[in-house]
Amino acid sequence: MYETGYVRCECDVKGCDGKLFAPEAEADDYGWEVNRDIATADGATRRVCLCPEHAIEWRQARKAYSDACDKIMGGK
């Protein structure tokens, strides 16, 4: 069976078994980060899918990094 218009992905975090199968138009409603580019420590980027739990952790880490950069630059 071939289906179009759907997102099918798995969380890329090792050990997580989260899976998403949803209409493309509704994919953002499930709290997933789908095909997001994430910077690595060596300056490269990886494209990942993150389940809602890991997406929250990633957003928190991204905010903490941004806040630390602001502090270094004399912001906040």
C-alpha atoms as a PDB file:
ATOM      1  CA  MET A   1       0.000   0.000   0.000  1.00  0.00           C
ATOM      2  CA  TYR A   2       1.327   3.447  -0.918  1.00  0.00           C
ATOM      3  CA  GLU A   3       0.206   6.504   1.002  1.00  0.00           C
ATOM      4  CA  THR A   4       0.938  10.128   0.227  1.00  0.00           C
ATOM      5  CA  GLY A   5       0.435  13.176   2.381  1.00  0.00           C
ATOM      6  CA  TYR A   6       1.587  11.525   5.604  1.00  0.00           C
ATOM      7  CA  VAL A   7       4.623  11.921   7.853  1.00  0.00           C
ATOM      8  CA  ARG A   8       6.152   8.711   9.122  1.00  0.00           C
ATOM      9  CA  CYS A   9       9.219   8.979  11.330  1.00  0.00           C
ATOM     10  CA  GLU A  10      10.919   7.654  14.433  1.00  0.00           C
ATOM     11  CA  CYS A  11      12.670   9.585  17.193  1.00  0.00           C
ATOM     12  CA  ASP A  12      16.414   9.687  16.469  1.00  0.00           C
ATOM     13  CA  VAL A  13      17.404   9.555  20.148  1.00  0.00           C
ATOM     14  CA  LYS A  14      19.150   6.265  20.867  1.00  0.00           C
ATOM     15  CA  GLY A  15      16.899   3.951  22.852  1.00  0.00           C
ATOM     16  CA  CYS A  16      13.702   5.913  22.221  1.00  0.00           C
ATOM     17  CA  ASP A  17      10.969   4.024  20.443  1.00  0.00           C
ATOM     18  CA  GLY A  18       8.746   7.040  19.679  1.00  0.00           C
ATOM     19  CA  LYS A  19       7.078   6.894  16.283  1.00  0.00           C
ATOM     20  CA  LEU A  20       4.901   9.368  14.412  1.00  0.00           C
ATOM     21  CA  PHE A  21       2.467   8.593  11.630  1.00  0.00           C
ATOM     22  CA  ALA A  22       0.233  11.571  10.879  1.00  0.00           C
ATOM     23  CA  PRO A  23      -1.102  13.677   8.007  1.00  0.00           C
ATOM     24  CA  GLU A  24       1.519  16.217   6.893  1.00  0.00           C
ATOM     25  CA  ALA A  25      -0.829  19.122   7.644  1.00  0.00           C
ATOM     26  CA  GLU A  26      -1.195  17.946  11.258  1.00  0.00           C
ATOM     27  CA  ALA A  27       2.394  16.868  12.010  1.00  0.00           C
ATOM     28  CA  ASP A  28       3.201  19.995  14.055  1.00  0.00           C
ATOM     29  CA  ASP A  29       0.137  19.404  16.260  1.00  0.00           C
ATOM     30  CA  TYR A  30       1.782  16.364  17.861  1.00  0.00           C
ATOM     31  CA  GLY A  31       4.747  18.202  19.426  1.00  0.00           C
ATOM     32  CA  TRP A  32       7.387  16.539  17.304  1.00  0.00           C
ATOM     33  CA  GLU A  33      10.410  18.237  15.777  1.00  0.00           C
ATOM     34  CA  VAL A  34      10.464  16.714  12.295  1.00  0.00           C
ATOM     35  CA  ASN A  35      13.537  17.059  10.071  1.00  0.00           C
ATOM     36  CA  ARG A  36      15.162  19.741  12.224  1.00  0.00           C
ATOM     37  CA  ASP A  37      18.774  20.723  11.631  1.00  0.00           C
ATOM     38  CA  ILE A  38      20.736  20.473  14.870  1.00  0.00           C
ATOM     39  CA  ALA A  39      24.263  21.833  15.224  1.00  0.00           C
ATOM     40  CA  THR A  40      26.887  19.418  16.503  1.00  0.00           C
ATOM     41  CA  ALA A  41      29.896  20.254  18.684  1.00  0.00           C
ATOM     42  CA  ASP A  42      32.226  20.236  15.660  1.00  0.00           C
ATOM     43  CA  GLY A  43      30.134  22.802  13.777  1.00  0.00           C
ATOM     44  CA  ALA A  44      28.377  20.367  11.447  1.00  0.00           C
ATOM     45  CA  THR A  45      24.632  19.870  11.359  1.00  0.00           C
ATOM     46  CA  ARG A  46      22.459  16.784  11.618  1.00  0.00           C
ATOM     47  CA  ARG A  47      18.886  16.476  10.469  1.00  0.00           C
ATOM     48  CA  VAL A  48      16.831  14.702  13.125  1.00  0.00           C
ATOM     49  CA  CYS A  49      13.309  13.828  14.215  1.00  0.00           C
ATOM     50  CA  LEU A  50      12.537  14.180  17.916  1.00  0.00           C
ATOM     51  CA  CYS A  51       9.522  12.869  19.816  1.00  0.00           C
ATOM     52  CA  PRO A  52       7.684  15.374  22.037  1.00  0.00           C
ATOM     53  CA  GLU A  53       9.671  14.417  25.158  1.00  0.00           C
ATOM     54  CA  HIS A  54      13.038  14.806  23.458  1.00  0.00           C
ATOM     55  CA  ALA A  55      11.877  17.889  21.537  1.00  0.00           C
ATOM     56  CA  ILE A  56      11.191  19.590  24.879  1.00  0.00           C
ATOM     57  CA  GLU A  57      14.676  18.667  26.129  1.00  0.00           C
ATOM     58  CA  TRP A  58      16.230  19.923  22.880  1.00  0.00           C
ATOM     59  CA  ARG A  59      14.344  23.240  23.097  1.00  0.00           C
ATOM     60  CA  GLN A  60      15.484  23.678  26.713  1.00  0.00           C
ATOM     61  CA  ALA A  61      19.108  22.954  25.758  1.00  0.00           C
ATOM     62  CA  ARG A  62      18.875  25.348  22.813  1.00  0.00           C
ATOM     63  CA  LYS A  63      17.505  28.092  25.105  1.00  0.00           C
ATOM     64  CA  ALA A  64      20.219  27.474  27.724  1.00  0.00           C
ATOM     65  CA  TYR A  65      22.870  27.739  25.001  1.00  0.00           C
ATOM     66  CA  SER A  66      21.356  30.965  23.675  1.00  0.00           C
ATOM     67  CA  ASP A  67      21.148  32.430  27.196  1.00  0.00           C
ATOM     68  CA  ALA A  68      24.786  31.522  27.865  1.00  0.00           C
ATOM     69  CA  CYS A  69      25.870  33.193  24.613  1.00  0.00           C
ATOM     70  CA  ASP A  70      23.895  36.325  25.528  1.00  0.00           C
ATOM     71  CA  LYS A  71      25.565  36.396  28.945  1.00  0.00           C
ATOM     72  CA  ILE A  72      29.045  36.094  27.402  1.00  0.00           C
ATOM     73  CA  MET A  73      28.263  38.927  24.987  1.00  0.00           C
ATOM     74  CA  GLY A  74      27.121  41.189  27.813  1.00  0.00           C
ATOM     75  CA  GLY A  75      23.398  40.785  27.258  1.00  0.00           C
ATOM     76  CA  LYS A  76      21.072  39.428  29.910  1.00  0.00           C
END
